[in-house]
Every structure is written in C-alpha cells, then in structure tokens.
C-alpha cells in the first residue's frame, strides 16, 4: 500500500514538474488574433458565409478519396498472393488495375483532374 502511494506521489510530482517546465519554456508568450483564429481550408472565418464554394475543389477531393481507398484495397492483395492460386491472383489484380486505370482515364477525359483551365 505504501509503495502504491509513493508511486502515485512520484508520478504526480513528475507530471506537475513537466507541466510547469512546459509553461516556462513555451514559445507562445503572447496571444495573436490571427494565430488563435480557426483555419478552415484557406477560408477566412470572418468573411461572409454566403461566398460561393469552388466545385472544382470538391471534385478533386472526392477523386482523391476514391483513388486513395482503391489503393488501400490493393494492399491486402500482396500478402494474399502466397495463399491463393497464382492465376486467380493475377486475374484479380489485372481486373482491379484495369478498373483503376479506366477510372483515371475517364476523369482525365472529363477534365476533372485539371485544377484550372
């Protein structure tokens, strides 16, 4: 019991000392209006909320999410290569790669990959 009480006191003391050192050493000594304001993807939080939103920005972010998820789906294919039939594995990998390349090709022809025209 005494050992647990000592351990608790020592841990509390070390934590308190580290927090005090953080306050003393911290570089943030003054409060700046710009630094304390929230930053939302480059939008000024003090401007009118009715400003038009860039549809291009939205499309690029959705395309990024779709292709990012597809690449994450490809990661389990690598370890599964050792546990499955090689012909089936190559066929599945080729189908998935063709679908991925086809999606990029459609987005490219549609013009969605270009940020500014």
PDB file of N, CA and C in Angstrom:
ATOM      1  N   UNK A   1       0.818  -1.197   0.000  1.00  0.00           N
ATOM      2  CA  UNK A   1       0.000   0.000   0.000  1.00  0.00           C
ATOM      3  C   UNK A   1       0.860   1.259   0.000  1.00  0.00           C
ATOM      4  N   UNK A   2       1.911   1.205   0.848  1.00  0.00           N
ATOM      5  CA  UNK A   2       2.823   2.343   0.914  1.00  0.00           C
ATOM      6  C   UNK A   2       3.542   2.541  -0.417  1.00  0.00           C
ATOM      7  N   UNK A   3       3.869   1.435  -1.071  1.00  0.00           N
ATOM      8  CA  UNK A   3       4.564   1.501  -2.356  1.00  0.00           C
ATOM      9  C   UNK A   3       3.686   2.157  -3.428  1.00  0.00           C
ATOM     10  N   UNK A   4       2.402   1.814  -3.437  1.00  0.00           N
ATOM     11  CA  UNK A   4       1.487   2.405  -4.413  1.00  0.00           C
ATOM     12  C   UNK A   4       1.295   3.891  -4.154  1.00  0.00           C
ATOM     13  N   UNK A   5       1.223   4.270  -2.888  1.00  0.00           N
ATOM     14  CA  UNK A   5       1.055   5.675  -2.541  1.00  0.00           C
ATOM     15  C   UNK A   5       2.300   6.465  -2.948  1.00  0.00           C
ATOM     16  N   UNK A   6       3.461   5.899  -2.727  1.00  0.00           N
ATOM     17  CA  UNK A   6       4.702   6.552  -3.122  1.00  0.00           C
ATOM     18  C   UNK A   6       4.787   6.685  -4.636  1.00  0.00           C
ATOM     19  N   UNK A   7       4.418   5.639  -5.351  1.00  0.00           N
ATOM     20  CA  UNK A   7       4.439   5.677  -6.809  1.00  0.00           C
ATOM     21  C   UNK A   7       3.480   6.743  -7.344  1.00  0.00           C
ATOM     22  N   UNK A   8       2.295   6.844  -6.751  1.00  0.00           N
ATOM     23  CA  UNK A   8       1.328   7.851  -7.169  1.00  0.00           C
ATOM     24  C   UNK A   8       1.865   9.263  -6.920  1.00  0.00           C
ATOM     25  N   UNK A   9       2.471   9.482  -5.782  1.00  0.00           N
ATOM     26  CA  UNK A   9       3.021  10.803  -5.458  1.00  0.00           C
ATOM     27  C   UNK A   9       4.163  11.155  -6.392  1.00  0.00           C
ATOM     28  N   UNK A  10       5.045  10.204  -6.669  1.00  0.00           N
ATOM     29  CA  UNK A  10       6.181  10.459  -7.563  1.00  0.00           C
ATOM     30  C   UNK A  10       5.684  10.757  -8.980  1.00  0.00           C
ATOM     31  N   UNK A  11       4.733   9.996  -9.463  1.00  0.00           N
ATOM     32  CA  UNK A  11       4.196  10.240 -10.810  1.00  0.00           C
ATOM     33  C   UNK A  11       3.500  11.597 -10.887  1.00  0.00           C
ATOM     34  N   UNK A  12       2.736  11.939  -9.864  1.00  0.00           N
ATOM     35  CA  UNK A  12       2.068  13.245  -9.847  1.00  0.00           C
ATOM     36  C   UNK A  12       3.083  14.378  -9.799  1.00  0.00           C
ATOM     37  N   UNK A  13       4.139  14.196  -9.023  1.00  0.00           N
ATOM     38  CA  UNK A  13       5.178  15.215  -8.922  1.00  0.00           C
ATOM     39  C   UNK A  13       5.909  15.398 -10.250  1.00  0.00           C
ATOM     40  N   UNK A  14       6.257  14.310 -10.898  1.00  0.00           N
ATOM     41  CA  UNK A  14       6.952  14.385 -12.190  1.00  0.00           C
ATOM     42  C   UNK A  14       6.054  15.047 -13.235  1.00  0.00           C
ATOM     43  N   UNK A  15       4.775  14.686 -13.247  1.00  0.00           N
ATOM     44  CA  UNK A  15       3.837  15.290 -14.192  1.00  0.00           C
ATOM     45  C   UNK A  15       3.693  16.787 -13.947  1.00  0.00           C
ATOM     46  N   UNK A  16       3.585  17.169 -12.694  1.00  0.00           N
ATOM     47  CA  UNK A  16       3.452  18.598 -12.363  1.00  0.00           C
ATOM     48  C   UNK A  16       4.699  19.370 -12.757  1.00  0.00           C
ATOM     49  N   UNK A  17       5.871  18.806 -12.499  1.00  0.00           N
ATOM     50  CA  UNK A  17       7.124  19.470 -12.863  1.00  0.00           C
ATOM     51  C   UNK A  17       7.219  19.638 -14.373  1.00  0.00           C
ATOM     52  N   UNK A  18       6.843  18.607 -15.137  1.00  0.00           N
ATOM     53  CA  UNK A  18       6.901  18.704 -16.594  1.00  0.00           C
ATOM     54  C   UNK A  18       5.919  19.741 -17.124  1.00  0.00           C
ATOM     55  N   UNK A  19       4.735  19.836 -16.534  1.00  0.00           N
ATOM     56  CA  UNK A  19       3.765  20.845 -16.973  1.00  0.00           C
ATOM     57  C   UNK A  19       4.271  22.251 -16.656  1.00  0.00           C
ATOM     58  N   UNK A  20       4.877  22.439 -15.493  1.00  0.00           N
ATOM     59  CA  UNK A  20       5.430  23.759 -15.152  1.00  0.00           C
ATOM     60  C   UNK A  20       6.578  24.128 -16.092  1.00  0.00           C
ATOM     61  N   UNK A  21       7.431  23.150 -16.419  1.00  0.00           N
ATOM     62  CA  UNK A  21       8.531  23.417 -17.350  1.00  0.00           C
ATOM     63  C   UNK A  21       7.993  23.782 -18.725  1.00  0.00           C
ATOM     64  N   UNK A  22       6.905  23.146 -19.142  1.00  0.00           N
ATOM     65  CA  UNK A  22       6.296  23.462 -20.430  1.00  0.00           C
ATOM     66  C   UNK A  22       5.790  24.896 -20.452  1.00  0.00           C
ATOM     67  N   UNK A  23       5.178  25.329 -19.369  1.00  0.00           N
ATOM     68  CA  UNK A  23       4.680  26.706 -19.301  1.00  0.00           C
ATOM     69  C   UNK A  23       5.834  27.695 -19.339  1.00  0.00           C
ATOM     70  N   UNK A  24       6.913  27.398 -18.646  1.00  0.00           N
ATOM     71  CA  UNK A  24       8.056  28.314 -18.580  1.00  0.00           C
ATOM     72  C   UNK A  24       8.800  28.360 -19.915  1.00  0.00           C
ATOM     73  N   UNK A  25       8.987  27.213 -20.548  1.00  0.00           N
ATOM     74  CA  UNK A  25       9.804  27.127 -21.764  1.00  0.00           C
ATOM     75  C   UNK A  25       8.995  27.464 -23.018  1.00  0.00           C
ATOM     76  N   UNK A  26       7.691  27.406 -22.937  1.00  0.00           N
ATOM     77  CA  UNK A  26       6.839  27.581 -24.103  1.00  0.00           C
ATOM     78  C   UNK A  26       7.141  28.873 -24.849  1.00  0.00           C
ATOM     79  N   UNK A  27       7.134  28.788 -26.183  1.00  0.00           N
ATOM     80  CA  UNK A  27       7.415  29.949 -27.026  1.00  0.00           C
ATOM     81  C   UNK A  27       6.180  30.822 -27.225  1.00  0.00           C
ATOM     82  N   UNK A  28       5.042  30.295 -26.916  1.00  0.00           N
ATOM     83  CA  UNK A  28       3.809  31.061 -27.118  1.00  0.00           C
ATOM     84  C   UNK A  28       3.583  31.952 -25.900  1.00  0.00           C
ATOM     85  N   UNK A  29       4.192  33.094 -25.929  1.00  0.00           N
ATOM     86  CA  UNK A  29       4.104  34.019 -24.800  1.00  0.00           C
ATOM     87  C   UNK A  29       2.990  35.039 -24.979  1.00  0.00           C
ATOM     88  N   UNK A  30       2.590  35.308 -26.197  1.00  0.00           N
ATOM     89  CA  UNK A  30       1.573  36.318 -26.439  1.00  0.00           C
ATOM     90  C   UNK A  30       0.469  35.726 -27.306  1.00  0.00           C
ATOM     91  N   UNK A  31      -0.685  36.339 -27.208  1.00  0.00           N
ATOM     92  CA  UNK A  31      -1.834  35.871 -27.973  1.00  0.00           C
ATOM     93  C   UNK A  31      -2.009  36.753 -29.207  1.00  0.00           C
ATOM     94  N   UNK A  32      -2.005  36.137 -30.358  1.00  0.00           N
ATOM     95  CA  UNK A  32      -2.177  36.846 -31.615  1.00  0.00           C
ATOM     96  C   UNK A  32      -3.554  36.502 -32.175  1.00  0.00           C
ATOM     97  N   UNK A  33      -4.261  37.495 -32.697  1.00  0.00           N
ATOM     98  CA  UNK A  33      -5.607  37.279 -33.211  1.00  0.00           C
ATOM     99  C   UNK A  33      -5.601  36.312 -34.389  1.00  0.00           C
ATOM    100  N   UNK A  34      -4.628  36.439 -35.265  1.00  0.00           N
ATOM    101  CA  UNK A  34      -4.562  35.576 -36.445  1.00  0.00           C
ATOM    102  C   UNK A  34      -4.225  34.135 -36.058  1.00  0.00           C
ATOM    103  N   UNK A  35      -3.322  33.965 -35.102  1.00  0.00           N
ATOM    104  CA  UNK A  35      -2.922  32.611 -34.723  1.00  0.00           C
ATOM    105  C   UNK A  35      -3.991  31.894 -33.915  1.00  0.00           C
ATOM    106  N   UNK A  36      -4.797  32.630 -33.184  1.00  0.00           N
ATOM    107  CA  UNK A  36      -5.817  31.984 -32.367  1.00  0.00           C
ATOM    108  C   UNK A  36      -7.126  31.772 -33.120  1.00  0.00           C
ATOM    109  N   UNK A  37      -7.237  32.287 -34.342  1.00  0.00           N
ATOM    110  CA  UNK A  37      -8.461  32.078 -35.114  1.00  0.00           C
ATOM    111  C   UNK A  37      -8.412  30.711 -35.806  1.00  0.00           C
ATOM    112  N   UNK A  38      -9.559  30.078 -35.999  1.00  0.00           N
ATOM    113  CA  UNK A  38      -9.567  28.763 -36.657  1.00  0.00           C
ATOM    114  C   UNK A  38      -9.226  28.889 -38.143  1.00  0.00           C
ATOM    115  N   UNK A  39      -8.562  27.874 -38.652  1.00  0.00           N
ATOM    116  CA  UNK A  39      -8.177  27.849 -40.060  1.00  0.00           C
ATOM    117  C   UNK A  39      -8.939  26.718 -40.729  1.00  0.00           C
ATOM    118  N   UNK A  40      -9.811  27.045 -41.647  1.00  0.00           N
ATOM    119  CA  UNK A  40     -10.640  26.059 -42.321  1.00  0.00           C
ATOM    120  C   UNK A  40     -10.312  26.023 -43.810  1.00  0.00           C
ATOM    121  N   UNK A  41      -9.364  25.252 -44.203  1.00  0.00           N
ATOM    122  CA  UNK A  41      -9.045  25.013 -45.612  1.00  0.00           C
ATOM    123  C   UNK A  41      -8.823  26.301 -46.407  1.00  0.00           C
ATOM    124  N   UNK A  42      -8.226  27.285 -45.802  1.00  0.00           N
ATOM    125  CA  UNK A  42      -7.916  28.501 -46.517  1.00  0.00           C
ATOM    126  C   UNK A  42      -9.043  29.511 -46.572  1.00  0.00           C
ATOM    127  N   UNK A  43     -10.179  29.227 -45.963  1.00  0.00           N
ATOM    128  CA  UNK A  43     -11.288  30.169 -45.956  1.00  0.00           C
ATOM    129  C   UNK A  43     -11.152  31.114 -44.768  1.00  0.00           C
ATOM    130  N   UNK A  44     -11.445  32.358 -44.958  1.00  0.00           N
ATOM    131  CA  UNK A  44     -11.403  33.343 -43.889  1.00  0.00           C
ATOM    132  C   UNK A  44     -12.638  33.166 -43.019  1.00  0.00           C
ATOM    133  N   UNK A  45     -12.486  32.860 -41.723  1.00  0.00           N
ATOM    134  CA  UNK A  45     -13.664  32.624 -40.883  1.00  0.00           C
ATOM    135  C   UNK A  45     -14.449  33.897 -40.584  1.00  0.00           C
ATOM    136  N   UNK A  46     -13.857  35.049 -40.825  1.00  0.00           N
ATOM    137  CA  UNK A  46     -14.540  36.302 -40.529  1.00  0.00           C
ATOM    138  C   UNK A  46     -15.291  36.860 -41.726  1.00  0.00           C
ATOM    139  N   UNK A  47     -15.176  36.216 -42.884  1.00  0.00           N
ATOM    140  CA  UNK A  47     -15.879  36.697 -44.075  1.00  0.00           C
ATOM    141  C   UNK A  47     -17.312  36.180 -44.093  1.00  0.00           C
ATOM    142  N   UNK A  48     -18.058  36.607 -45.067  1.00  0.00           N
ATOM    143  CA  UNK A  48     -19.457  36.215 -45.192  1.00  0.00           C
ATOM    144  C   UNK A  48     -19.577  34.716 -45.474  1.00  0.00           C
ATOM    145  N   UNK A  49     -20.500  34.037 -44.806  1.00  0.00           N
ATOM    146  CA  UNK A  49     -20.654  32.593 -45.047  1.00  0.00           C
ATOM    147  C   UNK A  49     -21.346  32.274 -46.367  1.00  0.00           C
ATOM    148  N   UNK A  50     -21.817  33.276 -47.081  1.00  0.00           N
ATOM    149  CA  UNK A  50     -22.530  33.063 -48.332  1.00  0.00           C
ATOM    150  C   UNK A  50     -21.635  33.155 -49.558  1.00  0.00           C
ATOM    151  N   UNK A  51     -20.323  33.113 -49.385  1.00  0.00           N
ATOM    152  CA  UNK A  51     -19.425  33.167 -50.537  1.00  0.00           C
ATOM    153  C   UNK A  51     -19.534  31.865 -51.320  1.00  0.00           C
ATOM    154  N   UNK A  52     -19.405  31.905 -52.629  1.00  0.00           N
ATOM    155  CA  UNK A  52     -19.542  30.681 -53.428  1.00  0.00           C
ATOM    156  C   UNK A  52     -18.397  29.709 -53.152  1.00  0.00           C
ATOM    157  N   UNK A  53     -18.742  28.441 -53.117  1.00  0.00           N
ATOM    158  CA  UNK A  53     -17.765  27.389 -52.874  1.00  0.00           C
ATOM    159  C   UNK A  53     -17.284  26.840 -54.211  1.00  0.00           C
ATOM    160  N   UNK A  54     -15.996  26.590 -54.306  1.00  0.00           N
ATOM    161  CA  UNK A  54     -15.420  26.085 -55.548  1.00  0.00           C
ATOM    162  C   UNK A  54     -15.800  24.621 -55.748  1.00  0.00           C
ATOM    163  N   UNK A  55     -16.545  24.351 -56.796  1.00  0.00           N
ATOM    164  CA  UNK A  55     -16.940  22.981 -57.102  1.00  0.00           C
ATOM    165  C   UNK A  55     -15.733  22.152 -57.530  1.00  0.00           C
ATOM    166  N   UNK A  56     -14.748  22.781 -58.151  1.00  0.00           N
ATOM    167  CA  UNK A  56     -13.514  22.078 -58.549  1.00  0.00           C
ATOM    168  C   UNK A  56     -12.787  21.506 -57.338  1.00  0.00           C
ATOM    169  N   UNK A  57     -12.707  22.307 -56.272  1.00  0.00           N
ATOM    170  CA  UNK A  57     -12.060  21.847 -55.046  1.00  0.00           C
ATOM    171  C   UNK A  57     -12.768  20.611 -54.505  1.00  0.00           C
ATOM    172  N   UNK A  58     -14.087  20.628 -54.517  1.00  0.00           N
ATOM    173  CA  UNK A  58     -14.871  19.497 -54.042  1.00  0.00           C
ATOM    174  C   UNK A  58     -14.632  18.259 -54.909  1.00  0.00           C
ATOM    175  N   UNK A  59     -14.635  18.411 -56.234  1.00  0.00           N
ATOM    176  CA  UNK A  59     -14.428  17.272 -57.134  1.00  0.00           C
ATOM    177  C   UNK A  59     -13.042  16.659 -56.964  1.00  0.00           C
ATOM    178  N   UNK A  60     -12.025  17.510 -56.840  1.00  0.00           N
ATOM    179  CA  UNK A  60     -10.666  16.997 -56.652  1.00  0.00           C
ATOM    180  C   UNK A  60     -10.570  16.227 -55.344  1.00  0.00           C
ATOM    181  N   UNK A  61     -11.197  16.712 -54.293  1.00  0.00           N
ATOM    182  CA  UNK A  61     -11.129  15.996 -53.011  1.00  0.00           C
ATOM    183  C   UNK A  61     -11.863  14.655 -53.087  1.00  0.00           C
ATOM    184  N   UNK A  62     -12.995  14.603 -53.771  1.00  0.00           N
ATOM    185  CA  UNK A  62     -13.718  13.331 -53.915  1.00  0.00           C
ATOM    186  C   UNK A  62     -12.908  12.342 -54.756  1.00  0.00           C
ATOM    187  N   UNK A  63     -12.291  12.815 -55.822  1.00  0.00           N
ATOM    188  CA  UNK A  63     -11.455  11.938 -56.655  1.00  0.00           C
ATOM    189  C   UNK A  63     -10.288  11.397 -55.838  1.00  0.00           C
ATOM    190  N   UNK A  64      -9.673  12.267 -55.037  1.00  0.00           N
ATOM    191  CA  UNK A  64      -8.575  11.812 -54.190  1.00  0.00           C
ATOM    192  C   UNK A  64      -9.036  10.720 -53.231  1.00  0.00           C
ATOM    193  N   UNK A  65     -10.194  10.910 -52.601  1.00  0.00           N
ATOM    194  CA  UNK A  65     -10.690   9.902 -51.665  1.00  0.00           C
ATOM    195  C   UNK A  65     -10.978   8.575 -52.365  1.00  0.00           C
ATOM    196  N   UNK A  66     -11.563   8.628 -53.534  1.00  0.00           N
ATOM    197  CA  UNK A  66     -11.896   7.394 -54.254  1.00  0.00           C
ATOM    198  C   UNK A  66     -10.632   6.615 -54.601  1.00  0.00           C
ATOM    199  N   UNK A  67      -9.632   7.299 -55.173  1.00  0.00           N
ATOM    200  CA  UNK A  67      -8.428   6.590 -55.568  1.00  0.00           C
ATOM    201  C   UNK A  67      -7.579   6.201 -54.367  1.00  0.00           C
ATOM    202  N   UNK A  68      -7.655   6.950 -53.293  1.00  0.00           N
ATOM    203  CA  UNK A  68      -6.940   6.580 -52.078  1.00  0.00           C
ATOM    204  C   UNK A  68      -7.517   5.295 -51.495  1.00  0.00           C
ATOM    205  N   UNK A  69      -8.824   5.173 -51.489  1.00  0.00           N
ATOM    206  CA  UNK A  69      -9.464   3.961 -50.979  1.00  0.00           C
ATOM    207  C   UNK A  69      -9.146   2.777 -51.879  1.00  0.00           C
ATOM    208  N   UNK A  70      -9.105   2.992 -53.172  1.00  0.00           N
ATOM    209  CA  UNK A  70      -8.775   1.890 -54.082  1.00  0.00           C
ATOM    210  C   UNK A  70      -7.344   1.402 -53.857  1.00  0.00           C
ATOM    211  N   UNK A  71      -6.440   2.292 -53.588  1.00  0.00           N
ATOM    212  CA  UNK A  71      -5.059   1.870 -53.329  1.00  0.00           C
ATOM    213  C   UNK A  71      -4.969   1.117 -52.005  1.00  0.00           C
ATOM    214  N   UNK A  72      -5.736   1.535 -51.006  1.00  0.00           N
ATOM    215  CA  UNK A  72      -5.744   0.821 -49.730  1.00  0.00           C
ATOM    216  C   UNK A  72      -6.330  -0.574 -49.913  1.00  0.00           C
ATOM    217  N   UNK A  73      -7.279  -0.720 -50.815  1.00  0.00           N
ATOM    218  CA  UNK A  73      -7.844  -2.042 -51.091  1.00  0.00           C
ATOM    219  C   UNK A  73      -6.800  -2.950 -51.741  1.00  0.00           C
ATOM    220  N   UNK A  74      -5.844  -2.367 -52.452  1.00  0.00           N
ATOM    221  CA  UNK A  74      -4.819  -3.183 -53.116  1.00  0.00           C
ATOM    222  C   UNK A  74      -3.799  -3.769 -52.135  1.00  0.00           C
ATOM    223  N   UNK A  75      -3.625  -3.169 -50.968  1.00  0.00           N
ATOM    224  CA  UNK A  75      -2.618  -3.660 -50.014  1.00  0.00           C
ATOM    225  C   UNK A  75      -2.831  -5.116 -49.597  1.00  0.00           C
ATOM    226  N   UNK A  76      -4.043  -5.577 -49.291  1.00  0.00           N
ATOM    227  CA  UNK A  76      -4.197  -6.990 -48.920  1.00  0.00           C
ATOM    228  C   UNK A  76      -3.932  -7.954 -50.072  1.00  0.00           C
ATOM    229  N   UNK A  77      -3.902  -7.465 -51.300  1.00  0.00           N
ATOM    230  CA  UNK A  77      -3.624  -8.366 -52.420  1.00  0.00           C
ATOM    231  C   UNK A  77      -2.191  -8.915 -52.360  1.00  0.00           C
ATOM    232  N   UNK A  78      -1.276  -8.139 -51.817  1.00  0.00           N
ATOM    233  CA  UNK A  78       0.122  -8.562 -51.799  1.00  0.00           C
ATOM    234  C   UNK A  78       0.339  -9.771 -50.887  1.00  0.00           C
ATOM    235  N   UNK A  79      -0.097  -9.758 -49.611  1.00  0.00           N
ATOM    236  CA  UNK A  79       0.088 -10.974 -48.800  1.00  0.00           C
ATOM    237  C   UNK A  79      -0.770 -12.141 -49.265  1.00  0.00           C
ATOM    238  N   UNK A  80      -1.925 -11.853 -49.891  1.00  0.00           N
ATOM    239  CA  UNK A  80      -2.783 -12.951 -50.331  1.00  0.00           C
ATOM    240  C   UNK A  80      -2.189 -13.695 -51.519  1.00  0.00           C
ATOM    241  N   UNK A  81      -1.157 -13.134 -52.135  1.00  0.00           N
ATOM    242  CA  UNK A  81      -0.528 -13.783 -53.282  1.00  0.00           C
ATOM    243  C   UNK A  81       0.042 -15.146 -52.884  1.00  0.00           C
ATOM    244  N   UNK A  82       0.520 -15.274 -51.650  1.00  0.00           N
ATOM    245  CA  UNK A  82       1.157 -16.522 -51.224  1.00  0.00           C
ATOM    246  C   UNK A  82       0.145 -17.606 -50.869  1.00  0.00           C
ATOM    247  N   UNK A  83      -1.109 -17.231 -50.629  1.00  0.00           N
ATOM    248  CA  UNK A  83      -2.109 -18.192 -50.167  1.00  0.00           C
ATOM    249  C   UNK A  83      -3.169 -18.539 -51.213  1.00  0.00           C
ATOM    250  N   UNK A  84      -3.054 -17.976 -52.394  1.00  0.00           N
ATOM    251  CA  UNK A  84      -4.078 -18.250 -53.405  1.00  0.00           C
ATOM    252  C   UNK A  84      -3.437 -18.783 -54.684  1.00  0.00           C
ATOM    253  N   UNK A  85      -4.295 -19.203 -55.574  1.00  0.00           N
ATOM    254  CA  UNK A  85      -3.853 -19.701 -56.863  1.00  0.00           C
ATOM    255  C   UNK A  85      -3.248 -18.529 -57.659  1.00  0.00           C
ATOM    256  N   UNK A  86      -2.032 -18.689 -58.221  1.00  0.00           N
ATOM    257  CA  UNK A  86      -1.394 -17.570 -58.917  1.00  0.00           C
ATOM    258  C   UNK A  86      -2.190 -17.050 -60.110  1.00  0.00           C
ATOM    259  N   UNK A  87      -2.855 -17.922 -60.844  1.00  0.00           N
ATOM    260  CA  UNK A  87      -3.634 -17.457 -61.991  1.00  0.00           C
ATOM    261  C   UNK A  87      -4.843 -16.619 -61.556  1.00  0.00           C
ATOM    262  N   UNK A  88      -5.518 -17.059 -60.510  1.00  0.00           N
ATOM    263  CA  UNK A  88      -6.654 -16.287 -59.999  1.00  0.00           C
ATOM    264  C   UNK A  88      -6.171 -14.959 -59.440  1.00  0.00           C
ATOM    265  N   UNK A  89      -5.038 -14.978 -58.735  1.00  0.00           N
ATOM    266  CA  UNK A  89      -4.493 -13.750 -58.157  1.00  0.00           C
ATOM    267  C   UNK A  89      -4.127 -12.741 -59.253  1.00  0.00           C
ATOM    268  N   UNK A  90      -3.453 -13.214 -60.295  1.00  0.00           N
ATOM    269  CA  UNK A  90      -3.064 -12.318 -61.399  1.00  0.00           C
ATOM    270  C   UNK A  90      -4.310 -11.782 -62.103  1.00  0.00           C
ATOM    271  N   UNK A  91      -5.323 -12.634 -62.311  1.00  0.00           N
ATOM    272  CA  UNK A  91      -6.558 -12.200 -62.944  1.00  0.00           C
ATOM    273  C   UNK A  91      -7.253 -11.118 -62.114  1.00  0.00           C
ATOM    274  N   UNK A  92      -7.354 -11.319 -60.794  1.00  0.00           N
ATOM    275  CA  UNK A  92      -7.997 -10.328 -59.926  1.00  0.00           C
ATOM    276  C   UNK A  92      -7.202  -9.022 -59.904  1.00  0.00           C
ATOM    277  N   UNK A  93      -5.870  -9.134 -59.851  1.00  0.00           N
ATOM    278  CA  UNK A  93      -5.031  -7.938 -59.836  1.00  0.00           C
ATOM    279  C   UNK A  93      -5.158  -7.163 -61.147  1.00  0.00           C
ATOM    280  N   UNK A  94      -5.194  -7.869 -62.265  1.00  0.00           N
ATOM    281  CA  UNK A  94      -5.338  -7.199 -63.556  1.00  0.00           C
ATOM    282  C   UNK A  94      -6.703  -6.520 -63.685  1.00  0.00           C
ATOM    283  N   UNK A  95      -7.759  -7.198 -63.230  1.00  0.00           N
ATOM    284  CA  UNK A  95      -9.101  -6.593 -63.291  1.00  0.00           C
ATOM    285  C   UNK A  95      -9.127  -5.323 -62.440  1.00  0.00           C
ATOM    286  N   UNK A  96      -8.589  -5.407 -61.236  1.00  0.00           N
ATOM    287  CA  UNK A  96      -8.590  -4.245 -60.348  1.00  0.00           C
ATOM    288  C   UNK A  96      -7.745  -3.110 -60.931  1.00  0.00           C
ATOM    289  N   UNK A  97      -6.583  -3.439 -61.488  1.00  0.00           N
ATOM    290  CA  UNK A  97      -5.720  -2.412 -62.089  1.00  0.00           C
ATOM    291  C   UNK A  97      -6.380  -1.779 -63.312  1.00  0.00           C
ATOM    292  N   UNK A  98      -7.047  -2.588 -64.113  1.00  0.00           N
ATOM    293  CA  UNK A  98      -7.727  -2.049 -65.295  1.00  0.00           C
ATOM    294  C   UNK A  98      -8.850  -1.105 -64.873  1.00  0.00           C
ATOM    295  N   UNK A  99      -9.607  -1.474 -63.835  1.00  0.00           N
ATOM    296  CA  UNK A  99     -10.660  -0.583 -63.337  1.00  0.00           C
ATOM    297  C   UNK A  99     -10.087   0.723 -62.806  1.00  0.00           C
ATOM    298  N   UNK A 100      -8.953   0.645 -62.124  1.00  0.00           N
ATOM    299  CA  UNK A 100      -8.311   1.844 -61.586  1.00  0.00           C
ATOM    300  C   UNK A 100      -7.818   2.747 -62.710  1.00  0.00           C
ATOM    301  N   UNK A 101      -7.168   2.170 -63.705  1.00  0.00           N
ATOM    302  CA  UNK A 101      -6.655   2.955 -64.836  1.00  0.00           C
ATOM    303  C   UNK A 101      -7.814   3.507 -65.667  1.00  0.00           C
ATOM    304  N   UNK A 102      -8.865   2.739 -65.805  1.00  0.00           N
ATOM    305  CA  UNK A 102     -10.045   3.198 -66.541  1.00  0.00           C
ATOM    306  C   UNK A 102     -10.680   4.407 -65.849  1.00  0.00           C
ATOM    307  N   UNK A 103     -10.760   4.365 -64.516  1.00  0.00           N
ATOM    308  CA  UNK A 103     -11.298   5.497 -63.767  1.00  0.00           C
ATOM    309  C   UNK A 103     -10.455   6.747 -63.940  1.00  0.00           C
ATOM    310  N   UNK A 104      -9.123   6.602 -63.915  1.00  0.00           N
ATOM    311  CA  UNK A 104      -8.240   7.755 -64.135  1.00  0.00           C
ATOM    312  C   UNK A 104      -8.426   8.294 -65.549  1.00  0.00           C
ATOM    313  N   UNK A 105      -8.539   7.398 -66.511  1.00  0.00           N
ATOM    314  CA  UNK A 105      -8.725   7.817 -67.901  1.00  0.00           C
ATOM    315  C   UNK A 105     -10.030   8.593 -68.078  1.00  0.00           C
ATOM    316  N   UNK A 106     -11.113   8.126 -67.450  1.00  0.00           N
ATOM    317  CA  UNK A 106     -12.401   8.822 -67.545  1.00  0.00           C
ATOM    318  C   UNK A 106     -12.304  10.202 -66.895  1.00  0.00           C
ATOM    319  N   UNK A 107     -11.668  10.273 -65.737  1.00  0.00           N
ATOM    320  CA  UNK A 107     -11.526  11.569 -65.066  1.00  0.00           C
ATOM    321  C   UNK A 107     -10.647  12.514 -65.881  1.00  0.00           C
ATOM    322  N   UNK A 108      -9.639  11.982 -66.512  1.00  0.00           N
ATOM    323  CA  UNK A 108      -8.743  12.804 -67.327  1.00  0.00           C
ATOM    324  C   UNK A 108      -9.493  13.381 -68.537  1.00  0.00           C
ATOM    325  N   UNK A 109     -10.241  12.507 -69.237  1.00  0.00           N
ATOM    326  CA  UNK A 109     -11.009  12.970 -70.396  1.00  0.00           C
ATOM    327  C   UNK A 109     -12.123  13.935 -70.011  1.00  0.00           C
ATOM    328  N   UNK A 110     -12.678  13.757 -68.837  1.00  0.00           N
ATOM    329  CA  UNK A 110     -13.732  14.637 -68.362  1.00  0.00           C
ATOM    330  C   UNK A 110     -13.186  16.013 -67.970  1.00  0.00           C
ATOM    331  N   UNK A 111     -11.885  16.084 -67.706  1.00  0.00           N
ATOM    332  CA  UNK A 111     -11.259  17.352 -67.332  1.00  0.00           C
ATOM    333  C   UNK A 111     -11.294  17.619 -65.843  1.00  0.00           C
ATOM    334  N   UNK A 112     -11.653  16.621 -65.048  1.00  0.00           N
ATOM    335  CA  UNK A 112     -11.749  16.828 -63.606  1.00  0.00           C
ATOM    336  C   UNK A 112     -10.389  16.875 -62.924  1.00  0.00           C
ATOM    337  N   UNK A 113      -9.359  16.383 -63.558  1.00  0.00           N
ATOM    338  CA  UNK A 113      -8.036  16.368 -62.938  1.00  0.00           C
ATOM    339  C   UNK A 113      -7.300  17.689 -63.095  1.00  0.00           C
ATOM    340  N   UNK A 114      -7.797  18.571 -63.927  1.00  0.00           N
ATOM    341  CA  UNK A 114      -7.134  19.859 -64.115  1.00  0.00           C
ATOM    342  C   UNK A 114      -7.720  20.866 -63.132  1.00  0.00           C
ATOM    343  N   UNK A 115      -6.864  21.458 -62.337  1.00  0.00           N
ATOM    344  CA  UNK A 115      -7.333  22.386 -61.318  1.00  0.00           C
ATOM    345  C   UNK A 115      -7.870  23.664 -61.952  1.00  0.00           C
ATOM    346  N   UNK A 116      -7.146  24.195 -62.894  1.00  0.00           N
ATOM    347  CA  UNK A 116      -7.578  25.421 -63.574  1.00  0.00           C
ATOM    348  C   UNK A 116      -7.501  25.209 -65.060  1.00  0.00           C
ATOM    349  N   UNK A 117      -8.436  25.779 -65.773  1.00  0.00           N
ATOM    350  CA  UNK A 117      -8.442  25.616 -67.232  1.00  0.00           C
ATOM    351  C   UNK A 117      -7.979  26.890 -67.897  1.00  0.00           C
TER     352      UNK A 117
END
